């Protein structure tokens, strides 16, 4: 579960967003911060792992015996696209087996 918090407190609800419009001092930056806090560097992302360490270690150890290298490569590429750089290109050519 991922819960995003803004520096001033908890995630703002739609009611809080509507209050932004009713203020005399409406600021577009505050609206965007309330809608998409992950785009701002001072936002915190708190997450809890859904998978135990032991189960992940076992899964990675038995990856080659289950012939899951291609699925794992796809998973890693998608993870890197999401977290690091969205325009990654997949490797072409033979794999090192």
PDB file of N, CA and C in Angstrom:
ATOM      1  N   UNK A   1       0.836  -1.170   0.000  1.00  0.00           N
ATOM      2  CA  UNK A   1       0.000   0.000   0.000  1.00  0.00           C
ATOM      3  C   UNK A   1       0.882   1.234   0.000  1.00  0.00           C
ATOM      4  N   UNK A   2       0.582   2.163  -0.854  1.00  0.00           N
ATOM      5  CA  UNK A   2       1.355   3.408  -0.938  1.00  0.00           C
ATOM      6  C   UNK A   2       0.467   4.558  -0.500  1.00  0.00           C
ATOM      7  N   UNK A   3       0.991   5.330   0.430  1.00  0.00           N
ATOM      8  CA  UNK A   3       0.267   6.500   0.902  1.00  0.00           C
ATOM      9  C   UNK A   3       1.154   7.704   0.675  1.00  0.00           C
ATOM     10  N   UNK A   4       0.644   8.677  -0.003  1.00  0.00           N
ATOM     11  CA  UNK A   4       1.422   9.872  -0.292  1.00  0.00           C
ATOM     12  C   UNK A   4       1.005  10.989   0.648  1.00  0.00           C
ATOM     13  N   UNK A   5       2.005  11.670   1.175  1.00  0.00           N
ATOM     14  CA  UNK A   5       1.735  12.791   2.065  1.00  0.00           C
ATOM     15  C   UNK A   5       2.387  14.041   1.528  1.00  0.00           C
ATOM     16  N   UNK A   6       1.718  15.140   1.730  1.00  0.00           N
ATOM     17  CA  UNK A   6       2.307  16.428   1.385  1.00  0.00           C
ATOM     18  C   UNK A   6       3.025  16.939   2.622  1.00  0.00           C
ATOM     19  N   UNK A   7       3.954  17.868   2.474  1.00  0.00           N
ATOM     20  CA  UNK A   7       4.703  18.361   3.626  1.00  0.00           C
ATOM     21  C   UNK A   7       3.819  18.951   4.713  1.00  0.00           C
ATOM     22  N   UNK A   8       2.683  19.496   4.357  1.00  0.00           N
ATOM     23  CA  UNK A   8       1.815  20.120   5.335  1.00  0.00           C
ATOM     24  C   UNK A   8       0.912  19.149   6.061  1.00  0.00           C
ATOM     25  N   UNK A   9       0.871  17.892   5.706  1.00  0.00           N
ATOM     26  CA  UNK A   9      -0.005  16.948   6.366  1.00  0.00           C
ATOM     27  C   UNK A   9      -0.400  15.820   5.449  1.00  0.00           C
ATOM     28  N   UNK A  10      -1.606  15.306   5.667  1.00  0.00           N
ATOM     29  CA  UNK A  10      -2.069  14.156   4.900  1.00  0.00           C
ATOM     30  C   UNK A  10      -2.495  14.554   3.499  1.00  0.00           C
ATOM     31  N   UNK A  11      -2.746  13.527   2.701  1.00  0.00           N
ATOM     32  CA  UNK A  11      -3.195  13.723   1.325  1.00  0.00           C
ATOM     33  C   UNK A  11      -4.491  14.513   1.330  1.00  0.00           C
ATOM     34  N   UNK A  12      -4.586  15.492   0.464  1.00  0.00           N
ATOM     35  CA  UNK A  12      -5.759  16.354   0.437  1.00  0.00           C
ATOM     36  C   UNK A  12      -6.895  15.667  -0.303  1.00  0.00           C
ATOM     37  N   UNK A  13      -8.094  15.826   0.202  1.00  0.00           N
ATOM     38  CA  UNK A  13      -9.270  15.215  -0.405  1.00  0.00           C
ATOM     39  C   UNK A  13      -9.892  16.154  -1.427  1.00  0.00           C
ATOM     40  N   UNK A  14     -10.918  15.656  -2.111  1.00  0.00           N
ATOM     41  CA  UNK A  14     -11.592  16.496  -3.105  1.00  0.00           C
ATOM     42  C   UNK A  14     -12.267  17.688  -2.442  1.00  0.00           C
ATOM     43  N   UNK A  15     -12.694  17.511  -1.197  1.00  0.00           N
ATOM     44  CA  UNK A  15     -13.287  18.639  -0.473  1.00  0.00           C
ATOM     45  C   UNK A  15     -12.239  19.725  -0.232  1.00  0.00           C
ATOM     46  N   UNK A  16     -11.039  19.298   0.124  1.00  0.00           N
ATOM     47  CA  UNK A  16      -9.960  20.261   0.333  1.00  0.00           C
ATOM     48  C   UNK A  16      -9.591  20.952  -0.982  1.00  0.00           C
ATOM     49  N   UNK A  17      -9.652  20.188  -2.082  1.00  0.00           N
ATOM     50  CA  UNK A  17      -9.373  20.790  -3.388  1.00  0.00           C
ATOM     51  C   UNK A  17     -10.414  21.838  -3.747  1.00  0.00           C
ATOM     52  N   UNK A  18     -11.677  21.556  -3.446  1.00  0.00           N
ATOM     53  CA  UNK A  18     -12.718  22.533  -3.747  1.00  0.00           C
ATOM     54  C   UNK A  18     -12.564  23.783  -2.887  1.00  0.00           C
ATOM     55  N   UNK A  19     -12.011  23.621  -1.677  1.00  0.00           N
ATOM     56  CA  UNK A  19     -11.750  24.783  -0.829  1.00  0.00           C
ATOM     57  C   UNK A  19     -10.674  25.681  -1.424  1.00  0.00           C
ATOM     58  N   UNK A  20      -9.746  25.081  -2.184  1.00  0.00           N
ATOM     59  CA  UNK A  20      -8.718  25.890  -2.831  1.00  0.00           C
ATOM     60  C   UNK A  20      -9.330  26.873  -3.823  1.00  0.00           C
ATOM     61  N   UNK A  21     -10.391  26.434  -4.512  1.00  0.00           N
ATOM     62  CA  UNK A  21     -11.035  27.290  -5.499  1.00  0.00           C
ATOM     63  C   UNK A  21     -11.815  28.423  -4.850  1.00  0.00           C
ATOM     64  N   UNK A  22     -12.317  28.195  -3.646  1.00  0.00           N
ATOM     65  CA  UNK A  22     -13.132  29.212  -3.007  1.00  0.00           C
ATOM     66  C   UNK A  22     -12.295  30.324  -2.374  1.00  0.00           C
ATOM     67  N   UNK A  23     -11.007  30.071  -2.206  1.00  0.00           N
ATOM     68  CA  UNK A  23     -10.139  31.091  -1.607  1.00  0.00           C
ATOM     69  C   UNK A  23      -9.895  32.235  -2.586  1.00  0.00           C
ATOM     70  N   UNK A  24      -9.648  33.386  -2.023  1.00  0.00           N
ATOM     71  CA  UNK A  24      -9.306  34.550  -2.833  1.00  0.00           C
ATOM     72  C   UNK A  24      -7.908  34.388  -3.436  1.00  0.00           C
ATOM     73  N   UNK A  25      -7.011  33.718  -2.727  1.00  0.00           N
ATOM     74  CA  UNK A  25      -5.620  33.587  -3.149  1.00  0.00           C
ATOM     75  C   UNK A  25      -5.377  32.225  -3.795  1.00  0.00           C
ATOM     76  N   UNK A  26      -6.071  31.917  -4.851  1.00  0.00           N
ATOM     77  CA  UNK A  26      -5.885  30.637  -5.527  1.00  0.00           C
ATOM     78  C   UNK A  26      -4.524  30.598  -6.218  1.00  0.00           C
ATOM     79  N   UNK A  27      -3.763  29.533  -5.961  1.00  0.00           N
ATOM     80  CA  UNK A  27      -2.459  29.372  -6.585  1.00  0.00           C
ATOM     81  C   UNK A  27      -2.451  28.063  -7.363  1.00  0.00           C
ATOM     82  N   UNK A  28      -2.129  28.093  -8.639  1.00  0.00           N
ATOM     83  CA  UNK A  28      -2.070  26.866  -9.430  1.00  0.00           C
ATOM     84  C   UNK A  28      -1.081  25.853  -8.871  1.00  0.00           C
ATOM     85  N   UNK A  29       0.018  26.325  -8.286  1.00  0.00           N
ATOM     86  CA  UNK A  29       1.007  25.399  -7.731  1.00  0.00           C
ATOM     87  C   UNK A  29       0.433  24.604  -6.557  1.00  0.00           C
ATOM     88  N   UNK A  30      -0.394  25.232  -5.737  1.00  0.00           N
ATOM     89  CA  UNK A  30      -1.021  24.518  -4.629  1.00  0.00           C
ATOM     90  C   UNK A  30      -2.019  23.484  -5.133  1.00  0.00           C
ATOM     91  N   UNK A  31      -2.733  23.843  -6.183  1.00  0.00           N
ATOM     92  CA  UNK A  31      -3.684  22.897  -6.787  1.00  0.00           C
ATOM     93  C   UNK A  31      -2.944  21.662  -7.314  1.00  0.00           C
ATOM     94  N   UNK A  32      -1.858  21.891  -8.048  1.00  0.00           N
ATOM     95  CA  UNK A  32      -1.095  20.763  -8.589  1.00  0.00           C
ATOM     96  C   UNK A  32      -0.444  19.946  -7.481  1.00  0.00           C
ATOM     97  N   UNK A  33       0.033  20.594  -6.438  1.00  0.00           N
ATOM     98  CA  UNK A  33       0.638  19.872  -5.319  1.00  0.00           C
ATOM     99  C   UNK A  33      -0.399  18.980  -4.633  1.00  0.00           C
ATOM    100  N   UNK A  34      -1.632  19.454  -4.531  1.00  0.00           N
ATOM    101  CA  UNK A  34      -2.692  18.657  -3.921  1.00  0.00           C
ATOM    102  C   UNK A  34      -3.106  17.494  -4.816  1.00  0.00           C
ATOM    103  N   UNK A  35      -3.121  17.724  -6.127  1.00  0.00           N
ATOM    104  CA  UNK A  35      -3.529  16.672  -7.071  1.00  0.00           C
ATOM    105  C   UNK A  35      -2.445  15.630  -7.294  1.00  0.00           C
ATOM    106  N   UNK A  36      -1.189  16.064  -7.461  1.00  0.00           N
ATOM    107  CA  UNK A  36      -0.089  15.166  -7.815  1.00  0.00           C
ATOM    108  C   UNK A  36       1.122  15.425  -6.918  1.00  0.00           C
ATOM    109  N   UNK A  37       1.068  15.044  -5.647  1.00  0.00           N
ATOM    110  CA  UNK A  37       2.182  15.348  -4.738  1.00  0.00           C
ATOM    111  C   UNK A  37       3.478  14.640  -5.118  1.00  0.00           C
ATOM    112  N   UNK A  38       3.406  13.528  -5.871  1.00  0.00           N
ATOM    113  CA  UNK A  38       4.626  12.810  -6.237  1.00  0.00           C
ATOM    114  C   UNK A  38       5.506  13.583  -7.208  1.00  0.00           C
ATOM    115  N   UNK A  39       4.963  14.627  -7.833  1.00  0.00           N
ATOM    116  CA  UNK A  39       5.742  15.425  -8.774  1.00  0.00           C
ATOM    117  C   UNK A  39       6.576  16.503  -8.085  1.00  0.00           C
ATOM    118  N   UNK A  40       6.410  16.657  -6.782  1.00  0.00           N
ATOM    119  CA  UNK A  40       7.123  17.686  -6.044  1.00  0.00           C
ATOM    120  C   UNK A  40       8.190  17.036  -5.176  1.00  0.00           C
ATOM    121  N   UNK A  41       9.359  17.622  -5.128  1.00  0.00           N
ATOM    122  CA  UNK A  41      10.499  17.004  -4.456  1.00  0.00           C
ATOM    123  C   UNK A  41      10.351  16.939  -2.944  1.00  0.00           C
ATOM    124  N   UNK A  42       9.498  17.753  -2.351  1.00  0.00           N
ATOM    125  CA  UNK A  42       9.370  17.726  -0.900  1.00  0.00           C
ATOM    126  C   UNK A  42       8.250  16.805  -0.420  1.00  0.00           C
ATOM    127  N   UNK A  43       7.658  16.024  -1.315  1.00  0.00           N
ATOM    128  CA  UNK A  43       6.652  15.046  -0.935  1.00  0.00           C
ATOM    129  C   UNK A  43       7.332  13.771  -0.468  1.00  0.00           C
ATOM    130  N   UNK A  44       6.707  13.079   0.470  1.00  0.00           N
ATOM    131  CA  UNK A  44       7.223  11.807   0.962  1.00  0.00           C
ATOM    132  C   UNK A  44       6.327  10.685   0.467  1.00  0.00           C
ATOM    133  N   UNK A  45       6.931   9.583   0.084  1.00  0.00           N
ATOM    134  CA  UNK A  45       6.171   8.402  -0.296  1.00  0.00           C
ATOM    135  C   UNK A  45       6.476   7.323   0.726  1.00  0.00           C
ATOM    136  N   UNK A  46       5.462   6.920   1.453  1.00  0.00           N
ATOM    137  CA  UNK A  46       5.615   5.864   2.442  1.00  0.00           C
ATOM    138  C   UNK A  46       5.001   4.596   1.875  1.00  0.00           C
ATOM    139  N   UNK A  47       5.762   3.525   1.874  1.00  0.00           N
ATOM    140  CA  UNK A  47       5.239   2.273   1.351  1.00  0.00           C
ATOM    141  C   UNK A  47       5.616   1.131   2.272  1.00  0.00           C
ATOM    142  N   UNK A  48       4.808   0.102   2.244  1.00  0.00           N
ATOM    143  CA  UNK A  48       5.050  -1.096   3.023  1.00  0.00           C
ATOM    144  C   UNK A  48       5.246  -2.247   2.054  1.00  0.00           C
ATOM    145  N   UNK A  49       6.282  -3.058   2.248  1.00  0.00           N
ATOM    146  CA  UNK A  49       6.490  -4.180   1.332  1.00  0.00           C
ATOM    147  C   UNK A  49       5.371  -5.204   1.454  1.00  0.00           C
ATOM    148  N   UNK A  50       4.935  -5.712   0.308  1.00  0.00           N
ATOM    149  CA  UNK A  50       3.880  -6.718   0.298  1.00  0.00           C
ATOM    150  C   UNK A  50       4.448  -8.127   0.264  1.00  0.00           C
ATOM    151  N   UNK A  51       5.731  -8.265  -0.011  1.00  0.00           N
ATOM    152  CA  UNK A  51       6.381  -9.551  -0.155  1.00  0.00           C
ATOM    153  C   UNK A  51       7.505  -9.656   0.863  1.00  0.00           C
ATOM    154  N   UNK A  52       7.552 -10.789   1.585  1.00  0.00           N
ATOM    155  CA  UNK A  52       8.595 -10.983   2.585  1.00  0.00           C
ATOM    156  C   UNK A  52       9.957 -11.193   1.956  1.00  0.00           C
ATOM    157  N   UNK A  53      10.996 -10.878   2.703  1.00  0.00           N
ATOM    158  CA  UNK A  53      12.364 -11.004   2.198  1.00  0.00           C
ATOM    159  C   UNK A  53      12.703 -12.446   1.835  1.00  0.00           C
ATOM    160  N   UNK A  54      12.312 -13.400   2.688  1.00  0.00           N
ATOM    161  CA  UNK A  54      12.629 -14.808   2.448  1.00  0.00           C
ATOM    162  C   UNK A  54      11.984 -15.315   1.162  1.00  0.00           C
ATOM    163  N   UNK A  55      10.738 -14.951   0.943  1.00  0.00           N
ATOM    164  CA  UNK A  55      10.037 -15.393  -0.257  1.00  0.00           C
ATOM    165  C   UNK A  55      10.662 -14.790  -1.514  1.00  0.00           C
ATOM    166  N   UNK A  56      11.067 -13.526  -1.452  1.00  0.00           N
ATOM    167  CA  UNK A  56      11.722 -12.902  -2.591  1.00  0.00           C
ATOM    168  C   UNK A  56      13.063 -13.573  -2.885  1.00  0.00           C
ATOM    169  N   UNK A  57      13.858 -13.855  -1.848  1.00  0.00           N
ATOM    170  CA  UNK A  57      15.140 -14.530  -2.044  1.00  0.00           C
ATOM    171  C   UNK A  57      14.949 -15.898  -2.688  1.00  0.00           C
ATOM    172  N   UNK A  58      13.983 -16.670  -2.212  1.00  0.00           N
ATOM    173  CA  UNK A  58      13.717 -17.986  -2.782  1.00  0.00           C
ATOM    174  C   UNK A  58      13.291 -17.863  -4.243  1.00  0.00           C
ATOM    175  N   UNK A  59      12.448 -16.904  -4.530  1.00  0.00           N
ATOM    176  CA  UNK A  59      11.961 -16.715  -5.891  1.00  0.00           C
ATOM    177  C   UNK A  59      13.114 -16.370  -6.838  1.00  0.00           C
ATOM    178  N   UNK A  60      14.023 -15.511  -6.393  1.00  0.00           N
ATOM    179  CA  UNK A  60      15.162 -15.143  -7.231  1.00  0.00           C
ATOM    180  C   UNK A  60      16.152 -16.295  -7.396  1.00  0.00           C
ATOM    181  N   UNK A  61      16.330 -17.108  -6.352  1.00  0.00           N
ATOM    182  CA  UNK A  61      17.243 -18.250  -6.434  1.00  0.00           C
ATOM    183  C   UNK A  61      16.744 -19.305  -7.419  1.00  0.00           C
ATOM    184  N   UNK A  62      15.435 -19.486  -7.498  1.00  0.00           N
ATOM    185  CA  UNK A  62      14.875 -20.531  -8.358  1.00  0.00           C
ATOM    186  C   UNK A  62      14.440 -19.990  -9.719  1.00  0.00           C
ATOM    187  N   UNK A  63      14.841 -18.793 -10.049  1.00  0.00           N
ATOM    188  CA  UNK A  63      14.427 -18.164 -11.297  1.00  0.00           C
ATOM    189  C   UNK A  63      14.904 -18.933 -12.525  1.00  0.00           C
ATOM    190  N   UNK A  64      16.168 -19.318 -12.549  1.00  0.00           N
ATOM    191  CA  UNK A  64      16.695 -20.018 -13.724  1.00  0.00           C
ATOM    192  C   UNK A  64      16.132 -21.422 -13.854  1.00  0.00           C
ATOM    193  N   UNK A  65      15.856 -22.087 -12.756  1.00  0.00           N
ATOM    194  CA  UNK A  65      15.299 -23.436 -12.851  1.00  0.00           C
ATOM    195  C   UNK A  65      13.859 -23.413 -13.375  1.00  0.00           C
ATOM    196  N   UNK A  66      13.188 -22.296 -13.218  1.00  0.00           N
ATOM    197  CA  UNK A  66      11.817 -22.162 -13.728  1.00  0.00           C
ATOM    198  C   UNK A  66      11.777 -21.499 -15.095  1.00  0.00           C
ATOM    199  N   UNK A  67      12.948 -21.204 -15.652  1.00  0.00           N
ATOM    200  CA  UNK A  67      13.085 -20.556 -16.963  1.00  0.00           C
ATOM    201  C   UNK A  67      12.291 -19.235 -17.009  1.00  0.00           C
ATOM    202  N   UNK A  68      12.512 -18.417 -16.008  1.00  0.00           N
ATOM    203  CA  UNK A  68      11.785 -17.161 -15.913  1.00  0.00           C
ATOM    204  C   UNK A  68      12.632 -15.936 -16.186  1.00  0.00           C
ATOM    205  N   UNK A  69      13.755 -16.113 -16.890  1.00  0.00           N
ATOM    206  CA  UNK A  69      14.646 -14.970 -17.130  1.00  0.00           C
ATOM    207  C   UNK A  69      13.980 -13.886 -17.964  1.00  0.00           C
ATOM    208  N   UNK A  70      13.235 -14.284 -18.981  1.00  0.00           N
ATOM    209  CA  UNK A  70      12.595 -13.298 -19.863  1.00  0.00           C
ATOM    210  C   UNK A  70      11.542 -12.487 -19.110  1.00  0.00           C
ATOM    211  N   UNK A  71      10.740 -13.163 -18.280  1.00  0.00           N
ATOM    212  CA  UNK A  71       9.727 -12.452 -17.488  1.00  0.00           C
ATOM    213  C   UNK A  71      10.386 -11.514 -16.485  1.00  0.00           C
ATOM    214  N   UNK A  72      11.486 -11.983 -15.880  1.00  0.00           N
ATOM    215  CA  UNK A  72      12.191 -11.150 -14.903  1.00  0.00           C
ATOM    216  C   UNK A  72      12.814  -9.938 -15.584  1.00  0.00           C
ATOM    217  N   UNK A  73      13.378 -10.139 -16.779  1.00  0.00           N
ATOM    218  CA  UNK A  73      13.956  -9.030 -17.528  1.00  0.00           C
ATOM    219  C   UNK A  73      12.880  -7.996 -17.871  1.00  0.00           C
ATOM    220  N   UNK A  74      11.718  -8.462 -18.290  1.00  0.00           N
ATOM    221  CA  UNK A  74      10.612  -7.559 -18.607  1.00  0.00           C
ATOM    222  C   UNK A  74      10.181  -6.788 -17.356  1.00  0.00           C
ATOM    223  N   UNK A  75      10.074  -7.491 -16.226  1.00  0.00           N
ATOM    224  CA  UNK A  75       9.693  -6.854 -14.969  1.00  0.00           C
ATOM    225  C   UNK A  75      10.706  -5.775 -14.581  1.00  0.00           C
ATOM    226  N   UNK A  76      11.993  -6.102 -14.667  1.00  0.00           N
ATOM    227  CA  UNK A  76      13.039  -5.132 -14.300  1.00  0.00           C
ATOM    228  C   UNK A  76      13.028  -3.920 -15.220  1.00  0.00           C
ATOM    229  N   UNK A  77      12.819  -4.160 -16.513  1.00  0.00           N
ATOM    230  CA  UNK A  77      12.776  -3.045 -17.459  1.00  0.00           C
ATOM    231  C   UNK A  77      11.606  -2.119 -17.150  1.00  0.00           C
ATOM    232  N   UNK A  78      10.433  -2.697 -16.883  1.00  0.00           N
ATOM    233  CA  UNK A  78       9.262  -1.870 -16.553  1.00  0.00           C
ATOM    234  C   UNK A  78       9.476  -1.100 -15.247  1.00  0.00           C
ATOM    235  N   UNK A  79      10.107  -1.738 -14.267  1.00  0.00           N
ATOM    236  CA  UNK A  79      10.396  -1.074 -13.000  1.00  0.00           C
ATOM    237  C   UNK A  79      11.351   0.097 -13.203  1.00  0.00           C
ATOM    238  N   UNK A  80      12.390  -0.107 -14.003  1.00  0.00           N
ATOM    239  CA  UNK A  80      13.349   0.972 -14.289  1.00  0.00           C
ATOM    240  C   UNK A  80      12.698   2.099 -15.084  1.00  0.00           C
ATOM    241  N   UNK A  81      11.803   1.737 -16.014  1.00  0.00           N
ATOM    242  CA  UNK A  81      11.101   2.775 -16.770  1.00  0.00           C
ATOM    243  C   UNK A  81      10.265   3.644 -15.845  1.00  0.00           C
ATOM    244  N   UNK A  82       9.671   3.022 -14.864  1.00  0.00           N
ATOM    245  CA  UNK A  82       8.799   3.765 -13.951  1.00  0.00           C
ATOM    246  C   UNK A  82       9.579   4.601 -12.940  1.00  0.00           C
ATOM    247  N   UNK A  83      10.675   4.043 -12.420  1.00  0.00           N
ATOM    248  CA  UNK A  83      11.396   4.707 -11.339  1.00  0.00           C
ATOM    249  C   UNK A  83      12.575   5.567 -11.804  1.00  0.00           C
ATOM    250  N   UNK A  84      13.218   5.201 -12.910  1.00  0.00           N
ATOM    251  CA  UNK A  84      14.454   5.871 -13.300  1.00  0.00           C
ATOM    252  C   UNK A  84      14.296   6.697 -14.570  1.00  0.00           C
ATOM    253  N   UNK A  85      13.953   6.033 -15.680  1.00  0.00           N
ATOM    254  CA  UNK A  85      13.940   6.703 -16.977  1.00  0.00           C
ATOM    255  C   UNK A  85      12.853   6.080 -17.851  1.00  0.00           C
ATOM    256  N   UNK A  86      11.864   6.848 -18.302  1.00  0.00           N
ATOM    257  CA  UNK A  86      10.733   6.262 -19.040  1.00  0.00           C
ATOM    258  C   UNK A  86      11.032   5.852 -20.476  1.00  0.00           C
ATOM    259  N   UNK A  87      12.179   6.213 -21.041  1.00  0.00           N
ATOM    260  CA  UNK A  87      12.424   5.887 -22.443  1.00  0.00           C
ATOM    261  C   UNK A  87      13.567   4.892 -22.626  1.00  0.00           C
ATOM    262  N   UNK A  88      13.554   3.807 -21.868  1.00  0.00           N
ATOM    263  CA  UNK A  88      14.565   2.759 -22.003  1.00  0.00           C
ATOM    264  C   UNK A  88      14.252   1.890 -23.210  1.00  0.00           C
ATOM    265  N   UNK A  89      15.298   1.398 -23.847  1.00  0.00           N
ATOM    266  CA  UNK A  89      15.134   0.488 -24.974  1.00  0.00           C
ATOM    267  C   UNK A  89      15.572  -0.907 -24.547  1.00  0.00           C
ATOM    268  N   UNK A  90      14.806  -1.948 -24.915  1.00  0.00           N
ATOM    269  CA  UNK A  90      15.204  -3.307 -24.541  1.00  0.00           C
ATOM    270  C   UNK A  90      16.435  -3.749 -25.310  1.00  0.00           C
ATOM    271  N   UNK A  91      17.191  -4.648 -24.709  1.00  0.00           N
ATOM    272  CA  UNK A  91      18.377  -5.186 -25.354  1.00  0.00           C
ATOM    273  C   UNK A  91      17.962  -6.084 -26.510  1.00  0.00           C
ATOM    274  N   UNK A  92      18.691  -5.986 -27.605  1.00  0.00           N
ATOM    275  CA  UNK A  92      18.441  -6.883 -28.730  1.00  0.00           C
ATOM    276  C   UNK A  92      19.659  -7.759 -28.922  1.00  0.00           C
ATOM    277  N   UNK A  93      19.469  -8.899 -29.502  1.00  0.00           N
ATOM    278  CA  UNK A  93      20.581  -9.798 -29.724  1.00  0.00           C
ATOM    279  C   UNK A  93      20.559 -10.967 -28.762  1.00  0.00           C
ATOM    280  N   UNK A  94      21.586 -11.770 -28.772  1.00  0.00           N
ATOM    281  CA  UNK A  94      21.600 -12.970 -27.938  1.00  0.00           C
ATOM    282  C   UNK A  94      21.759 -12.625 -26.461  1.00  0.00           C
ATOM    283  N   UNK A  95      21.254 -13.505 -25.638  1.00  0.00           N
ATOM    284  CA  UNK A  95      21.405 -13.344 -24.183  1.00  0.00           C
ATOM    285  C   UNK A  95      22.591 -14.157 -23.721  1.00  0.00           C
ATOM    286  N   UNK A  96      23.217 -13.777 -22.632  1.00  0.00           N
ATOM    287  CA  UNK A  96      24.375 -14.493 -22.117  1.00  0.00           C
ATOM    288  C   UNK A  96      23.948 -15.665 -21.258  1.00  0.00           C
ATOM    289  N   UNK A  97      23.874 -16.833 -21.837  1.00  0.00           N
ATOM    290  CA  UNK A  97      23.458 -18.019 -21.057  1.00  0.00           C
ATOM    291  C   UNK A  97      24.620 -18.931 -20.830  1.00  0.00           C
TER     292      UNK A  97
END
